[in-house]
Amino acid sequence: MKRYLCTSLLCLCCIAAMCAQSFPHQQQQQEEDVVYLKDGGVLRGEIIGKTAKTGRIQLRDGSVFVYQKSNIKMIAKELLMVSEQSAKMDSLKVVSIAKKIVAEESEIQRIEEDMRAFQNLLNDNSEVKHVDDEPEGIRLYSVLDVSLGIGFGDLPTPQGKSSLSATNNNDRFVDVRYVVGGRGRCFGMGVSLGIQQLYRAINPSAQPDSSGSARVEQGSAPPNLPFLPLGLDMRMEFMPGSAASLFVSANAAYAISLSASNSKNGYFVASPAVGLRFGRTMSSLLSAGFQFNVDKNGDVTNFFALRFGLVF
């Protein structure tokens, strides 16, 4: 509103200046006191006081002059002529002031707009967004993880009946696995390939001797065996758009033996887990779960597994 009034004032001043230029002979008029002295001097201004012998006149420049009545030739009222140039200068002064006011209003408006934009930027950056910003559709994902497995329970009964059947499960494994696949908003599925080193508590080819102790036959499989698990990986996140999310996963694979002396002793693997994901672009995973190794005879070896990985 202020800017509109200042703009209107500026327009009116410009019109006034144009009118002053269009009528050069039109002049502003007003009366003033003129004192003519006997010596030929002329005093122009306003008489502000008189006594019996003297008088006082305020001149145009504001100074006060005291004159003697005996020296006066004549006192008259005459028109004060204001020149066209003076009127034009006054109009230009008003126009200049109006322009300055409009410029100041524009600068204030610009500063206010900048402050509002800055405040909006601060609000956008400080606001915690809970809206899921995951892209729509299917996209590729990859997981690289490392896990450690510790056996629990009793080991499956080995060949023959002996005291070996009561052996505690002290087996353990270490594996590295890579998963690549596709995922939607919450659910993902891919194929997995890894390398697993299995450390056996007893030799699976051990036979009991007459005293009931384990006896390893010649050509039996070594206790530390490398395997190549190949299978499917599935995972589901519960808060996919947040910086941290709870997830569940399951992996089903077949572990192919890489040992020449144990090439026929592969096994099936099932490993469910629950964990947490941290981060957005490149996330880290921490999960805990179980792994069940099922051999060709149907015997199951149980493991508790801890897994750490990266998603990219």
Foldseek 3Di string as FASTA:
>chain_A
DVLVVLVVQLVVLVVVLVVLVVCQPDWDKDKWKWWAFQVGDIATAHWDADDPFWTWGQGPVRDIDIDGPVGTDDMDIDMDTDHSVNVNVVSVVSNVVSVVSSVVVVVVVVVVVVVVVVVVVVCVVPDDDLDAPDDADKDKKKKKKKKKKAFADFFPDAPDDFPNRRHTFGKMKIKIKMWMWMDGQWKIKTKMKMKMKIAGPDFSQWDADPVRDTDHDPLGDDRIWMWIWIWMKMKTWDRQRDQKTKMKMKTWTKIQTPDPSCRQWIWIKIWIWIWMWGGHPKIKIWIWTKMWTQTPVRTIIIITMIMIMIMD
